[in-house]
């Protein structure tokens, strides 16, 4: 039987907000620093995207990758971008990155820093290229589809496009085996559907924020996109499939550990409460 004085003391400890917040903070930070890899189920939608790349892209294939999301959206979209990049590189694909948004330059460099191991051993200009910011919105997307060299003269780092070996292999939409759009806005997906898929029938793959996924679902339903990865959860699932645990899995771990901590304190709180009630009744209290 729990001694009443001991249960009251424990109750006072549990009532300490500082203790609760400190433990909650630790339960969130530690898994982010060192992902635990708590097993999660891979959804059919994520597995379908993985299988599409596995079955349809061959070594030496070319992929165009649109990076269109703000720093604030990194937590949801960067895990998808990194995991897809690893998968494509592992398949022997060559990637041309570009962005129709000025902030795309910032998030691309942050992504490269975070995923330095994914880019290790990959030669810039031969295995991948970053065009940088291409101004013009949908008009720019249409122009890139017709001719990248006719739209962009230098890449993000000042290199002449025609001097990069990879850019000697590709120039227009039909030179690419797949186009991936990672975006925090709905308009970008529409740009590529109208300017790349409709006139050239280039396969599109979406990576979208959870909140906007329902808005672009009709494109996937109409087979104007081969699939879609939705939010942070999809990023964690894809990390599991490609064998590289990163920000996506770390975020899932942080959610799991913090939720488990809350449940533990709910259980302990109830145990203390009822032990006090029982002790009070036995002592003649009400």
Protein backbone atom coordinates (compact mmCIF):
# COMPACT_ATOMS: atom_id res chain seq x y z
CA UNK A 1 0.00 0.00 0.00
CA UNK A 2 1.27 3.46 -0.85
CA UNK A 3 2.00 5.56 2.19
CA UNK A 4 -0.13 8.72 2.18
CA UNK A 5 2.76 11.07 2.96
CA UNK A 6 4.84 9.50 0.23
CA UNK A 7 1.99 9.78 -2.30
CA UNK A 8 1.42 13.42 -1.37
CA UNK A 9 5.14 14.09 -1.82
CA UNK A 10 5.07 12.37 -5.20
CA UNK A 11 1.98 14.35 -6.07
CA UNK A 12 3.78 17.60 -5.30
CA UNK A 13 6.69 16.54 -7.48
CA UNK A 14 4.36 15.73 -10.34
CA UNK A 15 2.70 19.12 -9.96
CA UNK A 16 6.03 20.82 -10.67
CA UNK A 17 5.63 22.45 -14.08
CA UNK A 18 9.38 22.87 -14.39
CA UNK A 19 9.90 19.12 -14.08
CA UNK A 20 7.19 18.29 -16.59
CA UNK A 21 8.40 20.82 -19.15
CA UNK A 22 12.03 19.78 -18.70
CA UNK A 23 11.26 16.10 -19.26
CA UNK A 24 9.04 16.95 -22.22
CA UNK A 25 11.81 19.08 -23.73
CA UNK A 26 14.33 16.26 -23.28
CA UNK A 27 11.93 13.74 -24.85
CA UNK A 28 11.67 15.95 -27.94
CA UNK A 29 15.30 17.04 -28.31
CA UNK A 30 17.12 13.73 -27.78
CA UNK A 31 15.35 11.79 -30.59
CA UNK A 32 16.00 14.68 -32.98
CA UNK A 33 19.72 14.62 -32.17
CA UNK A 34 19.89 10.82 -32.22
CA UNK A 35 16.95 9.23 -34.10
CA UNK A 36 15.73 6.09 -32.35
CA UNK A 37 14.17 4.54 -35.40
CA UNK A 38 10.94 3.55 -33.67
CA UNK A 39 9.24 1.29 -36.26
CA UNK A 40 6.45 2.87 -38.29
CA UNK A 41 4.19 1.36 -40.92
CA UNK A 42 4.86 2.41 -44.51
CA UNK A 43 1.70 3.58 -46.25
CA UNK A 44 0.62 2.13 -49.59
CA UNK A 45 0.96 5.60 -51.17
CA UNK A 46 4.59 6.01 -50.11
CA UNK A 47 5.46 2.45 -51.13
CA UNK A 48 3.88 3.09 -54.55
CA UNK A 49 6.20 6.07 -55.12
CA UNK A 50 9.20 4.00 -54.08
CA UNK A 51 8.18 1.16 -56.38
CA UNK A 52 7.65 3.53 -59.31
CA UNK A 53 11.23 4.80 -59.05
CA UNK A 54 12.56 1.29 -58.53
CA UNK A 55 10.75 -0.14 -61.54
CA UNK A 56 10.81 2.71 -64.04
CA UNK A 57 14.08 4.60 -63.62
CA UNK A 58 17.28 3.07 -64.94
CA UNK A 59 20.94 4.01 -64.33
CA UNK A 60 21.81 7.16 -66.25
CA UNK A 61 18.23 8.45 -66.31
CA UNK A 62 17.53 12.17 -65.88
CA UNK A 63 15.29 13.78 -63.26
CA UNK A 64 14.25 17.42 -62.91
CA UNK A 65 13.65 18.46 -59.29
CA UNK A 66 11.70 21.63 -58.47
CA UNK A 67 12.52 23.01 -54.99
CA UNK A 68 9.72 25.38 -54.01
CA UNK A 69 9.27 25.71 -50.26
CA UNK A 70 10.19 28.16 -47.53
CA UNK A 71 12.55 27.54 -44.61
CA UNK A 72 9.47 27.24 -42.37
CA UNK A 73 8.33 24.22 -44.42
CA UNK A 74 11.64 22.35 -44.20
CA UNK A 75 10.43 20.07 -41.43
CA UNK A 76 7.72 18.59 -43.63
CA UNK A 77 9.30 18.64 -47.08
CA UNK A 78 13.06 18.31 -46.65
CA UNK A 79 12.88 14.68 -45.42
CA UNK A 80 11.08 13.80 -48.66
CA UNK A 81 13.59 15.72 -50.80
CA UNK A 82 16.60 14.12 -49.12
CA UNK A 83 15.18 10.59 -49.19
CA UNK A 84 14.18 10.93 -52.85
CA UNK A 85 17.60 12.33 -53.72
CA UNK A 86 19.30 9.37 -52.05
CA UNK A 87 17.04 6.93 -53.86
CA UNK A 88 17.71 8.58 -57.22
CA UNK A 89 21.47 8.68 -56.69
CA UNK A 90 21.45 5.04 -55.57
CA UNK A 91 19.63 4.20 -58.81
CA UNK A 92 22.33 5.98 -60.80
CA UNK A 93 20.07 8.86 -61.86
CA UNK A 94 21.31 12.35 -62.67
CA UNK A 95 19.43 15.30 -61.18
CA UNK A 96 18.86 18.86 -62.35
CA UNK A 97 17.54 20.99 -59.49
CA UNK A 98 15.84 24.32 -60.03
CA UNK A 99 13.51 26.70 -58.23
CA UNK A 100 10.79 29.04 -59.38
CA UNK A 101 11.04 30.75 -55.97
CA UNK A 102 13.82 32.98 -54.70
CA UNK A 103 13.83 31.20 -51.33
CA UNK A 104 14.50 27.92 -53.10
CA UNK A 105 18.19 28.84 -53.24
CA UNK A 106 18.35 29.03 -49.45
CA UNK A 107 16.54 25.78 -48.72
CA UNK A 108 18.56 23.89 -51.35
CA UNK A 109 21.83 24.90 -49.71
CA UNK A 110 20.45 24.01 -46.27
CA UNK A 111 19.32 20.65 -47.62
CA UNK A 112 22.77 19.96 -49.06
CA UNK A 113 24.36 20.79 -45.71
CA UNK A 114 21.95 18.56 -43.81
CA UNK A 115 22.39 15.71 -46.28
CA UNK A 116 26.12 16.05 -46.93
CA UNK A 117 26.48 12.25 -46.85
CA UNK A 118 23.93 11.86 -49.67
CA UNK A 119 25.91 14.19 -51.95
CA UNK A 120 29.28 12.78 -50.93
CA UNK A 121 31.01 11.24 -53.91
CA UNK A 122 28.63 12.94 -56.37
CA UNK A 123 30.32 15.24 -58.84
CA UNK A 124 28.72 18.61 -59.41
CA UNK A 125 28.07 19.29 -63.09
CA UNK A 126 28.13 15.60 -63.93
CA UNK A 127 25.83 13.89 -61.41
CA UNK A 128 23.74 16.91 -60.44
CA UNK A 129 23.28 20.59 -61.25
CA UNK A 130 21.48 23.40 -59.44
CA UNK A 131 20.09 26.03 -61.80
CA UNK A 132 19.19 28.32 -58.91
CA UNK A 133 16.30 30.77 -58.95
CA UNK A 134 14.49 31.03 -62.28
CA UNK A 135 12.19 34.05 -62.20
CA UNK A 136 8.88 34.16 -64.00
CA UNK A 137 6.50 31.72 -62.33
CA UNK A 138 4.47 29.69 -64.80
CA UNK A 139 6.05 31.48 -67.78
CA UNK A 140 9.45 30.34 -66.52
CA UNK A 141 8.18 26.77 -66.13
CA UNK A 142 6.95 26.83 -69.73
CA UNK A 143 10.25 28.25 -70.96
CA UNK A 144 12.28 25.62 -69.10
CA UNK A 145 10.16 22.90 -70.66
CA UNK A 146 11.01 24.21 -74.14
CA UNK A 147 14.70 24.81 -73.49
CA UNK A 148 16.69 25.14 -70.28
CA UNK A 149 19.66 26.58 -72.15
CA UNK A 150 17.37 29.09 -73.80
CA UNK A 151 16.05 30.14 -70.39
CA UNK A 152 19.09 30.01 -68.11
CA UNK A 153 22.59 31.02 -69.15
CA UNK A 154 24.44 30.31 -65.88
CA UNK A 155 23.72 28.06 -62.92
CA UNK A 156 23.37 29.15 -59.30
CA UNK A 157 27.16 29.29 -58.93
CA UNK A 158 27.93 31.28 -62.07
CA UNK A 159 28.94 28.34 -64.28
CA UNK A 160 27.95 28.55 -67.93
CA UNK A 161 25.18 26.03 -68.52
CA UNK A 162 26.63 24.76 -71.78
CA UNK A 163 29.93 23.94 -70.02
CA UNK A 164 28.35 21.50 -67.56
CA UNK A 165 28.52 17.87 -68.77
CA UNK A 166 25.06 17.01 -67.44
CA UNK A 167 23.48 19.95 -69.24
CA UNK A 168 24.92 18.67 -72.50
CA UNK A 169 22.69 15.60 -72.06
CA UNK A 170 19.41 17.41 -71.30
CA UNK A 171 17.73 20.61 -72.37
CA UNK A 172 13.95 20.22 -72.73
CA UNK A 173 11.08 18.52 -70.90
CA UNK A 174 11.14 15.35 -73.00
CA UNK A 175 14.79 14.77 -72.06
CA UNK A 176 13.71 13.95 -68.51
CA UNK A 177 12.37 10.62 -67.28
CA UNK A 178 10.69 12.16 -64.24
CA UNK A 179 9.93 15.59 -62.79
CA UNK A 180 9.60 15.95 -59.01
CA UNK A 181 7.92 18.99 -57.47
CA UNK A 182 8.46 19.60 -53.75
CA UNK A 183 6.32 22.62 -52.95
CA UNK A 184 4.60 24.36 -50.06
CA UNK A 185 2.13 26.06 -52.43
CA UNK A 186 -0.55 24.66 -54.71
CA UNK A 187 0.16 26.85 -57.75
CA UNK A 188 3.54 25.26 -58.46
CA UNK A 189 1.99 21.85 -59.06
CA UNK A 190 -0.48 23.39 -61.50
CA UNK A 191 2.39 25.07 -63.37
CA UNK A 192 4.06 21.73 -64.07
CA UNK A 193 0.83 19.94 -64.90
CA UNK A 194 -0.04 22.60 -67.49
CA UNK A 195 3.46 23.27 -68.87
CA UNK A 196 5.27 19.91 -68.59
CA UNK A 197 2.74 17.11 -68.33
CA UNK A 198 -0.06 18.30 -70.65
CA UNK A 199 2.05 19.30 -73.69
CA UNK A 200 4.94 16.83 -73.25
CA UNK A 201 3.47 13.97 -71.16
CA UNK A 202 6.43 14.01 -68.76
CA UNK A 203 5.76 11.94 -65.59
CA UNK A 204 5.30 14.13 -62.51
CA UNK A 205 5.78 13.22 -58.84
CA UNK A 206 4.55 15.46 -56.01
CA UNK A 207 5.89 16.09 -52.50
CA UNK A 208 3.45 18.34 -50.65
CA UNK A 209 2.59 19.74 -47.25
CA UNK A 210 -0.15 17.82 -45.44
CA UNK A 211 -2.39 20.88 -45.37
CA UNK A 212 -2.38 21.37 -49.16
CA UNK A 213 -2.42 17.73 -50.22
CA UNK A 214 -6.24 17.60 -50.63
CA UNK A 215 -6.04 20.55 -53.06
CA UNK A 216 -3.71 18.72 -55.44
CA UNK A 217 -5.17 15.25 -54.96
CA UNK A 218 -7.28 15.63 -58.14
CA UNK A 219 -4.08 15.73 -60.25
CA UNK A 220 -3.02 12.37 -58.81
CA UNK A 221 -6.53 10.95 -59.20
CA UNK A 222 -6.55 12.04 -62.85
CA UNK A 223 -3.19 10.29 -63.40
CA UNK A 224 -1.52 13.62 -64.19
CA UNK A 225 1.00 12.66 -61.52
CA UNK A 226 2.41 9.21 -60.85
CA UNK A 227 2.14 9.67 -57.09
CA UNK A 228 2.47 11.97 -54.10
CA UNK A 229 4.38 12.05 -50.83
CA UNK A 230 2.45 13.89 -48.14
CA UNK A 231 4.13 15.68 -45.27
CA UNK A 232 6.63 14.67 -42.64
CA UNK A 233 5.18 11.21 -42.11
CA UNK A 234 5.79 10.27 -45.76
CA UNK A 235 9.36 11.55 -45.41
CA UNK A 236 9.93 9.27 -42.42
CA UNK A 237 8.44 6.32 -44.29
CA UNK A 238 10.63 6.97 -47.32
CA UNK A 239 13.71 7.27 -45.11
CA UNK A 240 12.89 3.79 -43.82
CA UNK A 241 12.62 2.44 -47.36
CA UNK A 242 15.94 3.91 -48.53
CA UNK A 243 17.76 3.00 -45.32
CA UNK A 244 18.74 6.49 -44.19
CA UNK A 245 17.13 7.82 -41.03
CA UNK A 246 17.01 11.61 -41.03
CA UNK A 247 14.86 14.55 -40.01
CA UNK A 248 11.62 12.77 -40.90
CA UNK A 249 12.21 9.75 -38.65
CA UNK A 250 13.71 11.95 -35.94
CA UNK A 251 10.55 14.05 -35.91
CA UNK A 252 8.36 10.94 -35.71
CA UNK A 253 10.50 9.64 -32.84
CA UNK A 254 10.18 12.98 -31.03
CA UNK A 255 6.41 12.86 -31.36
CA UNK A 256 6.27 9.26 -30.14
CA UNK A 257 8.51 9.80 -27.10
CA UNK A 258 6.73 13.01 -26.06
CA UNK A 259 3.32 11.33 -26.39
CA UNK A 260 4.53 8.35 -24.37
CA UNK A 261 5.83 10.69 -21.66
CA UNK A 262 2.46 12.44 -21.44
CA UNK A 263 0.69 9.07 -21.16
CA UNK A 264 3.08 7.96 -18.40
CA UNK A 265 2.37 11.10 -16.40
CA UNK A 266 -1.38 10.67 -16.91
CA UNK A 267 -1.13 7.13 -15.52
CA UNK A 268 1.08 8.16 -12.59
CA UNK A 269 -1.16 11.14 -11.85
CA UNK A 270 -4.20 8.88 -11.65
CA UNK A 271 -2.39 6.37 -9.45
CA UNK A 272 -1.39 9.13 -7.02
CA UNK A 273 -4.86 10.66 -7.04
CA UNK A 274 -6.65 7.41 -6.27
CA UNK A 275 -4.09 6.36 -3.66
CA UNK A 276 -4.71 9.65 -1.86
CA UNK A 277 -8.47 9.12 -2.04
CA UNK A 278 -8.17 5.60 -0.62
CA UNK A 279 -5.79 6.68 2.11
CA UNK A 280 -8.10 9.56 3.04
CA UNK A 281 -11.10 7.22 3.35
CA UNK A 282 -9.18 4.75 5.51
CA UNK A 283 -8.09 7.60 7.74
CA UNK A 284 -11.67 8.68 8.30
CA UNK A 285 -11.66 11.54 5.75
CA UNK A 286 -14.32 12.18 3.12
